[in-house]
Every structure is written in C-alpha cells, then in structure tokens.
Amino acid sequence: MLVRRFDRLREEASVQLGAADAGAAFFGVFRRLVADAPTKIAIGTALFDADQESPGQTKTGKEDAAFRASNELRKVVGALLRNAQEAGAVRDDVELPEVYALLVAMSRAAHRDAEVRERALTIVFDGLAPHRSL
C-alpha cells in the first residue's frame, strides 16, 4: 500500500517536471506531499527514512520496496527543486536535505487544523523563497 502511494505521488510529481512555472510546480508538489500525509502517517516516517539512509544501505522485504519507492520520489523532488532554483523561485542555498526536513516536519503536523497547516506552509514557502534586496 505504501509503495503504491509513493509510486502515485512520484507519478504526479513527475508530471510537474515539465511545467512552465517551475516554482509553482515545486511548491505545488510540496503542498501535495504534505496534504497526503494525514491519510498515511507512514509517509512522514518513510520520507524521514529516505533522508536518513545512506547509499548502499538496504532494507529487506516490503520495507525495501517502500524505501526504493520513497527514494524514487525523492529524486523527482530533487529535480523539481533544481528547476525551481534555476527559475529563481527557490533560494540557491537550499538543498534537498533541508527540503526533506521541512517536508517531514510539515507531514507530521499535517493532521492539525487545515487553516493552521496552510499558514505554516506559507511561512515555510516564504523561507524557501529567494531573499529580496531592500
């Protein structure tokens, strides 16, 4: 079940790789991942696990399949991040581990009030945006 969910999320995110607005694509996928988390709390855990495992480490059985599926999603999120940075929509100093830390935190808190979640996402997105000179 978790593998199918990650595969579906990866497919949805992959469609956004060719989006005309790379920033909107990145932030839209971020929002979608957070919105999907309450339906399966294991998503936050699996996102965290994918961020913690080093290359070459494997798990066994069903966990291994979920890890691989999560890792494939991670690659797409990384590509969306690079596209958004190249488009000037995301700070250049942001790297995928920071994005995943924010995704994990927001995913674990996603079961909270939807209004609070949206305000928190706005704050996170403001922090990811390039600094504007005054």
C-alpha atoms as a PDB file:
ATOM      1  CA  MET A   1       0.000   0.000   0.000  1.00  0.00           C
ATOM      2  CA  LEU A   2       2.754   2.468   0.942  1.00  0.00           C
ATOM      3  CA  VAL A   3       4.695   1.552  -2.207  1.00  0.00           C
ATOM      4  CA  ARG A   4       1.644   2.288  -4.376  1.00  0.00           C
ATOM      5  CA  ARG A   5       1.132   5.601  -2.607  1.00  0.00           C
ATOM      6  CA  PHE A   6       4.751   6.631  -3.193  1.00  0.00           C
ATOM      7  CA  ASP A   7       4.533   5.500  -6.816  1.00  0.00           C
ATOM      8  CA  ARG A   8       1.363   7.558  -7.295  1.00  0.00           C
ATOM      9  CA  LEU A   9       2.930  10.614  -5.661  1.00  0.00           C
ATOM     10  CA  ARG A  10       6.070  10.182  -7.794  1.00  0.00           C
ATOM     11  CA  GLU A  11       3.966   9.942 -10.960  1.00  0.00           C
ATOM     12  CA  GLU A  12       2.009  13.068 -10.013  1.00  0.00           C
ATOM     13  CA  ALA A  13       5.240  14.920  -9.199  1.00  0.00           C
ATOM     14  CA  SER A  14       6.952  13.743 -12.403  1.00  0.00           C
ATOM     15  CA  VAL A  15       4.235  15.386 -14.487  1.00  0.00           C
ATOM     16  CA  GLN A  16       5.305  18.708 -12.963  1.00  0.00           C
ATOM     17  CA  LEU A  17       8.904  18.383 -14.186  1.00  0.00           C
ATOM     18  CA  GLY A  18       7.942  19.985 -17.498  1.00  0.00           C
ATOM     19  CA  ALA A  19       5.754  22.722 -16.014  1.00  0.00           C
ATOM     20  CA  ALA A  20       6.160  26.222 -17.417  1.00  0.00           C
ATOM     21  CA  ASP A  21       6.260  27.664 -13.889  1.00  0.00           C
ATOM     22  CA  ALA A  22       8.932  25.640 -12.083  1.00  0.00           C
ATOM     23  CA  GLY A  23       8.352  27.470  -8.796  1.00  0.00           C
ATOM     24  CA  ALA A  24       4.631  26.742  -8.780  1.00  0.00           C
ATOM     25  CA  ALA A  25       5.398  23.123  -9.691  1.00  0.00           C
ATOM     26  CA  PHE A  26       7.832  22.697  -6.782  1.00  0.00           C
ATOM     27  CA  PHE A  27       5.611  24.384  -4.210  1.00  0.00           C
ATOM     28  CA  GLY A  28       2.542  22.537  -5.538  1.00  0.00           C
ATOM     29  CA  VAL A  29       4.235  19.163  -5.132  1.00  0.00           C
ATOM     30  CA  PHE A  30       5.459  20.159  -1.657  1.00  0.00           C
ATOM     31  CA  ARG A  31       1.887  21.098  -0.715  1.00  0.00           C
ATOM     32  CA  ARG A  32       0.556  17.831  -2.221  1.00  0.00           C
ATOM     33  CA  LEU A  33       3.015  15.694  -0.258  1.00  0.00           C
ATOM     34  CA  VAL A  34       2.051  17.432   2.973  1.00  0.00           C
ATOM     35  CA  ALA A  35      -1.666  17.168   2.173  1.00  0.00           C
ATOM     36  CA  ASP A  36      -1.334  13.429   1.509  1.00  0.00           C
ATOM     37  CA  ALA A  37       0.444  12.717   4.795  1.00  0.00           C
ATOM     38  CA  PRO A  38      -2.595  12.587   7.118  1.00  0.00           C
ATOM     39  CA  THR A  39      -4.038   9.688   5.117  1.00  0.00           C
ATOM     40  CA  LYS A  40      -0.952   7.620   5.887  1.00  0.00           C
ATOM     41  CA  ILE A  41       1.272   8.691   8.781  1.00  0.00           C
ATOM     42  CA  ALA A  42       3.871   6.246   7.453  1.00  0.00           C
ATOM     43  CA  ILE A  43       4.577   8.749   4.662  1.00  0.00           C
ATOM     44  CA  GLY A  44       6.249  11.138   7.084  1.00  0.00           C
ATOM     45  CA  THR A  45       8.258   8.269   8.525  1.00  0.00           C
ATOM     46  CA  ALA A  46       9.234   6.955   5.093  1.00  0.00           C
ATOM     47  CA  LEU A  47      10.232  10.449   3.927  1.00  0.00           C
ATOM     48  CA  PHE A  48      12.407  10.696   7.018  1.00  0.00           C
ATOM     49  CA  ASP A  49      13.886   7.233   6.406  1.00  0.00           C
ATOM     50  CA  ALA A  50      14.722   8.083   2.789  1.00  0.00           C
ATOM     51  CA  ASP A  51      16.562  11.145   4.026  1.00  0.00           C
ATOM     52  CA  GLN A  52      18.491   9.163   6.646  1.00  0.00           C
ATOM     53  CA  GLU A  53      19.616   6.095   4.720  1.00  0.00           C
ATOM     54  CA  SER A  54      22.948   6.394   3.016  1.00  0.00           C
ATOM     55  CA  PRO A  55      23.534   4.988  -0.487  1.00  0.00           C
ATOM     56  CA  GLY A  56      24.235   1.288  -0.455  1.00  0.00           C
ATOM     57  CA  GLN A  57      22.223   0.595   2.682  1.00  0.00           C
ATOM     58  CA  THR A  58      19.198  -1.572   2.043  1.00  0.00           C
ATOM     59  CA  LYS A  59      16.301  -2.864   3.987  1.00  0.00           C
ATOM     60  CA  THR A  60      14.594  -6.175   3.449  1.00  0.00           C
ATOM     61  CA  GLY A  61      11.239  -7.302   2.059  1.00  0.00           C
ATOM     62  CA  LYS A  62       8.354  -4.849   1.979  1.00  0.00           C
ATOM     63  CA  GLU A  63      10.405  -2.198   3.770  1.00  0.00           C
ATOM     64  CA  ASP A  64      12.962  -2.370   0.954  1.00  0.00           C
ATOM     65  CA  ALA A  65      10.258  -1.804  -1.680  1.00  0.00           C
ATOM     66  CA  ALA A  66       8.869   1.168   0.268  1.00  0.00           C
ATOM     67  CA  PHE A  67      12.361   2.582   0.685  1.00  0.00           C
ATOM     68  CA  ARG A  68      13.036   2.293  -3.062  1.00  0.00           C
ATOM     69  CA  ALA A  69       9.687   3.886  -3.931  1.00  0.00           C
ATOM     70  CA  SER A  70      10.341   6.706  -1.466  1.00  0.00           C
ATOM     71  CA  ASN A  71      13.810   7.198  -2.916  1.00  0.00           C
ATOM     72  CA  GLU A  72      12.382   7.485  -6.443  1.00  0.00           C
ATOM     73  CA  LEU A  73      10.020  10.187  -5.192  1.00  0.00           C
ATOM     74  CA  ARG A  74      12.996  11.891  -3.554  1.00  0.00           C
ATOM     75  CA  LYS A  75      14.790  12.044  -6.922  1.00  0.00           C
ATOM     76  CA  VAL A  76      11.805  13.743  -8.544  1.00  0.00           C
ATOM     77  CA  VAL A  77      11.505  16.233  -5.672  1.00  0.00           C
ATOM     78  CA  GLY A  78      15.228  16.959  -6.105  1.00  0.00           C
ATOM     79  CA  ALA A  79      14.740  17.635  -9.817  1.00  0.00           C
ATOM     80  CA  LEU A  80      11.780  19.917  -9.054  1.00  0.00           C
ATOM     81  CA  LEU A  81      13.924  21.767  -6.512  1.00  0.00           C
ATOM     82  CA  ARG A  82      16.722  22.294  -9.049  1.00  0.00           C
ATOM     83  CA  ASN A  83      14.221  23.508 -11.655  1.00  0.00           C
ATOM     84  CA  ALA A  84      12.688  25.948  -9.157  1.00  0.00           C
ATOM     85  CA  GLN A  85      16.133  27.228  -8.178  1.00  0.00           C
ATOM     86  CA  GLU A  86      17.125  27.715 -11.812  1.00  0.00           C
ATOM     87  CA  ALA A  87      13.897  29.666 -12.321  1.00  0.00           C
ATOM     88  CA  GLY A  88      14.743  31.884  -9.334  1.00  0.00           C
ATOM     89  CA  ALA A  89      11.741  30.705  -7.287  1.00  0.00           C
ATOM     90  CA  VAL A  90      13.728  28.974  -4.529  1.00  0.00           C
ATOM     91  CA  ARG A  91      16.868  30.133  -2.731  1.00  0.00           C
ATOM     92  CA  ASP A  92      20.117  28.806  -4.205  1.00  0.00           C
ATOM     93  CA  ASP A  93      21.446  27.783  -0.795  1.00  0.00           C
ATOM     94  CA  VAL A  94      18.597  25.338  -0.152  1.00  0.00           C
ATOM     95  CA  GLU A  95      19.489  21.693  -0.612  1.00  0.00           C
ATOM     96  CA  LEU A  96      17.359  18.579  -0.730  1.00  0.00           C
ATOM     97  CA  PRO A  97      18.096  17.517   2.884  1.00  0.00           C
ATOM     98  CA  GLU A  98      16.636  20.820   4.128  1.00  0.00           C
ATOM     99  CA  VAL A  99      13.590  20.416   1.887  1.00  0.00           C
ATOM    100  CA  TYR A 100      13.066  16.906   3.222  1.00  0.00           C
ATOM    101  CA  ALA A 101      13.447  18.068   6.812  1.00  0.00           C
ATOM    102  CA  LEU A 102      10.690  20.611   6.149  1.00  0.00           C
ATOM    103  CA  LEU A 103       8.557  18.014   4.356  1.00  0.00           C
ATOM    104  CA  VAL A 104       8.904  15.587   7.244  1.00  0.00           C
ATOM    105  CA  ALA A 105       8.047  18.230   9.825  1.00  0.00           C
ATOM    106  CA  MET A 106       5.062  19.516   7.883  1.00  0.00           C
ATOM    107  CA  SER A 107       3.878  15.976   7.092  1.00  0.00           C
ATOM    108  CA  ARG A 108       3.949  15.002  10.739  1.00  0.00           C
ATOM    109  CA  ALA A 109       1.995  18.118  11.648  1.00  0.00           C
ATOM    110  CA  ALA A 110      -0.413  17.822   8.704  1.00  0.00           C
ATOM    111  CA  HIS A 111      -3.178  16.231  10.736  1.00  0.00           C
ATOM    112  CA  ARG A 112      -3.668  19.530  12.503  1.00  0.00           C
ATOM    113  CA  ASP A 113      -6.191  22.166  11.561  1.00  0.00           C
ATOM    114  CA  ALA A 114      -6.166  22.841   7.793  1.00  0.00           C
ATOM    115  CA  GLU A 115      -6.064  26.611   8.322  1.00  0.00           C
ATOM    116  CA  VAL A 116      -3.034  26.323  10.588  1.00  0.00           C
ATOM    117  CA  ARG A 117      -1.374  23.967   8.089  1.00  0.00           C
ATOM    118  CA  GLU A 118      -1.877  26.472   5.251  1.00  0.00           C
ATOM    119  CA  ARG A 119      -0.477  29.348   7.309  1.00  0.00           C
ATOM    120  CA  ALA A 120       2.509  27.186   8.287  1.00  0.00           C
ATOM    121  CA  LEU A 121       3.079  26.278   4.616  1.00  0.00           C
ATOM    122  CA  THR A 122       3.034  29.978   3.733  1.00  0.00           C
ATOM    123  CA  ILE A 123       5.747  30.612   6.321  1.00  0.00           C
ATOM    124  CA  VAL A 124       7.833  27.682   5.046  1.00  0.00           C
ATOM    125  CA  PHE A 125       7.426  28.787   1.436  1.00  0.00           C
ATOM    126  CA  ASP A 126       8.399  32.360   2.348  1.00  0.00           C
ATOM    127  CA  GLY A 127      11.553  30.964   3.959  1.00  0.00           C
ATOM    128  CA  LEU A 128      12.394  28.963   0.816  1.00  0.00           C
ATOM    129  CA  ALA A 129      11.912  31.980  -1.457  1.00  0.00           C
ATOM    130  CA  PRO A 130      14.980  33.961  -2.544  1.00  0.00           C
ATOM    131  CA  HIS A 131      15.871  36.893  -0.327  1.00  0.00           C
ATOM    132  CA  ARG A 132      14.804  40.185  -1.812  1.00  0.00           C
ATOM    133  CA  SER A 133      17.137  43.153  -1.594  1.00  0.00           C
ATOM    134  CA  LEU A 134      15.651  46.237   0.013  1.00  0.00           C
END
